[in-house]
Protein backbone atom coordinates (compact mmCIF):
# COMPACT_ATOMS: atom_id res chain seq x y z
CA UNK A 1 61.90 -70.76 127.06
CA UNK A 2 60.44 -69.53 130.30
CA UNK A 3 62.17 -70.33 133.54
CA UNK A 4 65.07 -69.11 135.61
CA UNK A 5 68.42 -67.57 134.75
CA UNK A 6 70.91 -68.13 137.58
CA UNK A 7 73.54 -65.45 138.19
CA UNK A 8 75.91 -64.78 141.05
CA UNK A 9 74.22 -61.44 141.73
CA UNK A 10 71.85 -61.47 144.66
CA UNK A 11 69.30 -59.04 143.17
CA UNK A 12 66.30 -60.95 141.85
CA UNK A 13 63.83 -59.85 139.20
CA UNK A 14 60.49 -61.54 138.47
CA UNK A 15 58.92 -60.88 135.06
CA UNK A 16 55.17 -61.56 134.83
CA UNK A 17 53.74 -61.24 131.31
CA UNK A 18 51.47 -63.53 129.31
CA UNK A 19 53.49 -62.90 126.13
CA UNK A 20 56.19 -65.55 126.45
CA UNK A 21 58.23 -63.92 123.69
CA UNK A 22 58.47 -60.73 125.76
CA UNK A 23 59.39 -62.50 129.00
CA UNK A 24 62.21 -64.23 127.11
CA UNK A 25 63.45 -60.94 125.64
CA UNK A 26 63.35 -59.14 129.01
CA UNK A 27 65.14 -62.08 130.62
CA UNK A 28 67.91 -61.89 128.01
CA UNK A 29 68.25 -58.14 128.61
CA UNK A 30 68.56 -58.52 132.38
CA UNK A 31 70.12 -61.91 133.05
CA UNK A 32 73.73 -60.67 132.79
CA UNK A 33 73.20 -58.51 135.89
CA UNK A 34 70.44 -60.18 137.90
CA UNK A 35 68.85 -63.49 138.78
CA UNK A 36 65.76 -63.46 136.59
CA UNK A 37 62.62 -65.55 136.88
CA UNK A 38 59.65 -65.47 134.53
CA UNK A 39 55.96 -66.30 134.72
CA UNK A 40 53.43 -66.31 131.89
CA UNK A 41 50.34 -65.49 133.93
CA UNK A 42 49.36 -63.81 137.17
CA UNK A 43 48.78 -66.99 139.17
CA UNK A 44 52.17 -68.43 138.22
CA UNK A 45 53.74 -65.07 139.05
CA UNK A 46 52.24 -65.06 142.53
CA UNK A 47 53.41 -68.64 143.09
CA UNK A 48 56.99 -67.54 142.33
CA UNK A 49 56.82 -64.41 144.47
CA UNK A 50 58.65 -64.53 147.79
CA UNK A 51 60.57 -62.22 150.09
CA UNK A 52 63.75 -62.73 148.05
CA UNK A 53 62.34 -61.02 144.93
CA UNK A 54 63.54 -57.42 144.68
CA UNK A 55 61.78 -56.14 141.54
CA UNK A 56 58.68 -57.29 139.64
CA UNK A 57 58.07 -56.31 136.01
CA UNK A 58 54.33 -56.71 135.61
CA UNK A 59 52.02 -56.67 132.61
CA UNK A 60 48.47 -55.42 133.24
CA UNK A 61 46.43 -57.32 130.64
CA UNK A 62 46.63 -61.03 131.36
CA UNK A 63 43.98 -63.77 131.31
CA UNK A 64 42.66 -65.32 134.54
CA UNK A 65 44.43 -62.92 136.89
CA UNK A 66 45.19 -59.42 135.65
CA UNK A 67 48.31 -57.46 136.53
CA UNK A 68 46.14 -55.05 138.52
CA UNK A 69 44.92 -57.97 140.67
CA UNK A 70 48.48 -59.29 141.07
CA UNK A 71 49.65 -55.86 142.22
CA UNK A 72 46.75 -55.60 144.66
CA UNK A 73 47.74 -58.98 146.14
CA UNK A 74 51.40 -57.91 146.40
CA UNK A 75 50.47 -54.78 148.34
CA UNK A 76 47.90 -56.55 150.55
CA UNK A 77 50.49 -59.15 151.56
CA UNK A 78 53.01 -56.32 152.17
CA UNK A 79 55.82 -57.85 150.14
CA UNK A 80 58.85 -55.54 150.29
CA UNK A 81 59.24 -55.53 146.52
CA UNK A 82 59.40 -52.77 143.91
CA UNK A 83 56.90 -53.13 141.07
CA UNK A 84 57.25 -51.65 137.60
CA UNK A 85 54.16 -51.99 135.44
CA UNK A 86 55.21 -52.68 131.83
CA UNK A 87 52.03 -52.53 129.79
CA UNK A 88 50.52 -51.63 126.43
CA UNK A 89 47.72 -49.95 128.43
CA UNK A 90 48.25 -46.20 128.55
CA UNK A 91 47.94 -44.94 132.13
CA UNK A 92 44.66 -43.19 132.91
CA UNK A 93 42.96 -42.10 136.12
CA UNK A 94 42.44 -45.78 136.95
CA UNK A 95 46.11 -45.96 138.01
CA UNK A 96 45.36 -43.84 141.08
CA UNK A 97 45.94 -45.97 144.15
CA UNK A 98 47.38 -48.95 142.23
CA UNK A 99 50.61 -48.88 144.21
CA UNK A 100 53.22 -49.38 141.47
CA UNK A 101 56.69 -47.82 141.68
CA UNK A 102 57.22 -47.19 137.95
CA UNK A 103 55.02 -47.37 134.86
CA UNK A 104 56.41 -48.11 131.40
CA UNK A 105 54.28 -48.17 128.25
CA UNK A 106 55.10 -50.86 125.69
CA UNK A 107 56.98 -51.12 123.45
CA UNK A 108 60.00 -50.69 125.71
CA UNK A 109 63.69 -50.78 124.83
CA UNK A 110 66.51 -52.66 126.51
CA UNK A 111 68.02 -49.55 128.12
CA UNK A 112 64.58 -48.49 129.41
CA UNK A 113 64.05 -51.83 131.17
CA UNK A 114 67.59 -51.89 132.56
CA UNK A 115 67.37 -48.30 133.81
CA UNK A 116 64.07 -48.85 135.61
CA UNK A 117 65.35 -52.00 137.36
CA UNK A 118 68.56 -50.20 138.40
CA UNK A 119 66.57 -47.22 139.68
CA UNK A 120 64.21 -49.38 141.72
CA UNK A 121 67.09 -51.32 143.25
CA UNK A 122 68.82 -48.04 144.16
CA UNK A 123 65.66 -46.91 145.95
CA UNK A 124 65.55 -50.21 147.84
CA UNK A 125 69.20 -49.86 148.87
CA UNK A 126 68.55 -46.31 150.03
CA UNK A 127 65.55 -47.32 152.15
CA UNK A 128 67.36 -50.27 153.74
CA UNK A 129 70.51 -48.24 154.41
CA UNK A 130 68.65 -45.30 155.96
CA UNK A 131 66.70 -47.70 158.18
CA UNK A 132 69.94 -49.40 159.31
CA UNK A 133 71.64 -46.03 159.77
CA UNK A 134 68.78 -44.79 161.92
CA UNK A 135 69.10 -47.83 164.21
CA UNK A 136 72.87 -47.45 164.53
CA UNK A 137 72.56 -43.74 165.32
CA UNK A 138 69.96 -44.52 167.99
CA UNK A 139 72.33 -47.06 169.55
CA UNK A 140 75.20 -44.57 169.47
CA UNK A 141 73.03 -41.86 171.07
CA UNK A 142 71.99 -44.16 173.93
CA UNK A 143 75.59 -45.17 174.64
CA UNK A 144 76.80 -41.57 174.55
CA UNK A 145 74.09 -40.60 177.00
CA UNK A 146 74.95 -43.37 179.45
CA UNK A 147 78.74 -43.70 179.20
CA UNK A 148 81.70 -41.43 179.83
CA UNK A 149 83.71 -40.37 176.78
CA UNK A 150 86.78 -42.19 178.10
CA UNK A 151 84.77 -45.43 178.35
CA UNK A 152 83.49 -45.05 174.81
CA UNK A 153 86.94 -44.38 173.37
CA UNK A 154 88.32 -47.48 175.10
CA UNK A 155 85.57 -49.80 173.86
CA UNK A 156 86.28 -51.69 170.61
CA UNK A 157 82.57 -52.39 169.90
CA UNK A 158 81.78 -48.68 170.14
CA UNK A 159 84.63 -47.85 167.76
CA UNK A 160 83.32 -50.46 165.31
CA UNK A 161 79.86 -48.93 165.64
CA UNK A 162 81.29 -45.55 164.67
CA UNK A 163 82.98 -47.11 161.63
CA UNK A 164 79.75 -48.86 160.62
CA UNK A 165 77.91 -45.54 160.81
CA UNK A 166 80.58 -43.86 158.69
CA UNK A 167 80.48 -46.62 156.05
CA UNK A 168 76.68 -46.66 155.90
CA UNK A 169 76.48 -42.87 155.64
CA UNK A 170 78.93 -43.04 152.74
CA UNK A 171 76.73 -45.64 150.99
CA UNK A 172 73.63 -43.47 151.50
CA UNK A 173 75.42 -40.42 150.10
CA UNK A 174 76.60 -42.36 147.04
CA UNK A 175 73.08 -43.63 146.38
CA UNK A 176 71.66 -40.12 146.70
CA UNK A 177 74.21 -38.83 144.17
CA UNK A 178 72.55 -41.01 141.53
CA UNK A 179 68.97 -40.05 142.41
CA UNK A 180 66.70 -38.20 140.02
CA UNK A 181 63.98 -35.84 141.25
CA UNK A 182 61.46 -38.70 140.80
CA UNK A 183 63.63 -41.02 142.89
CA UNK A 184 63.63 -38.50 145.76
CA UNK A 185 59.85 -38.19 145.62
CA UNK A 186 59.38 -41.97 145.48
CA UNK A 187 61.84 -42.65 148.30
CA UNK A 188 60.18 -40.21 150.66
CA UNK A 189 56.73 -41.47 149.66
CA UNK A 190 57.84 -45.03 150.52
CA UNK A 191 59.18 -43.86 153.88
CA UNK A 192 55.82 -42.16 154.62
CA UNK A 193 53.96 -45.37 153.73
CA UNK A 194 56.23 -47.46 156.02
CA UNK A 195 55.67 -45.01 158.87
CA UNK A 196 51.92 -45.16 158.34
CA UNK A 197 51.46 -41.49 157.51
């Protein structure tokens, strides 16, 4: 029963694994919280991948197009998606430079899959919110440099900007409260990659 589970949630998860039984199990575990799509090989997975997918759960050993090749394609095309490798292959030095965000070794449990998806979505929220916050702060700084304080205080758009900054900062702080040490490292690594360092 491969296919799509439609939920009201906007977060979308794509499961790519050639074991149909596993894709069905993972879909059942996740479909209460997310929109879940499945693919039973790498080529089908790539055909379902678009900018609306938030997280990919990816097996490494698949016929025709391996998970490693799928991941390479995802990174080459610069999809803004988090990828968790879920594989029976124990990680070795060959994982260096693969570009995954998490690595789970099969067999995995329901809470392990759910936790990794939640964690990756939190990282995405953090990155998007800090980017938005940075832009709003830059706008605020420019206005404060150019305008008198009395003008700023009388301008409704400026007051809304201040409120937006406050709300976004609160969201960022709440996300950080739930971060593990690994989340911090991954988030700052992702920021470095985006900035080309």
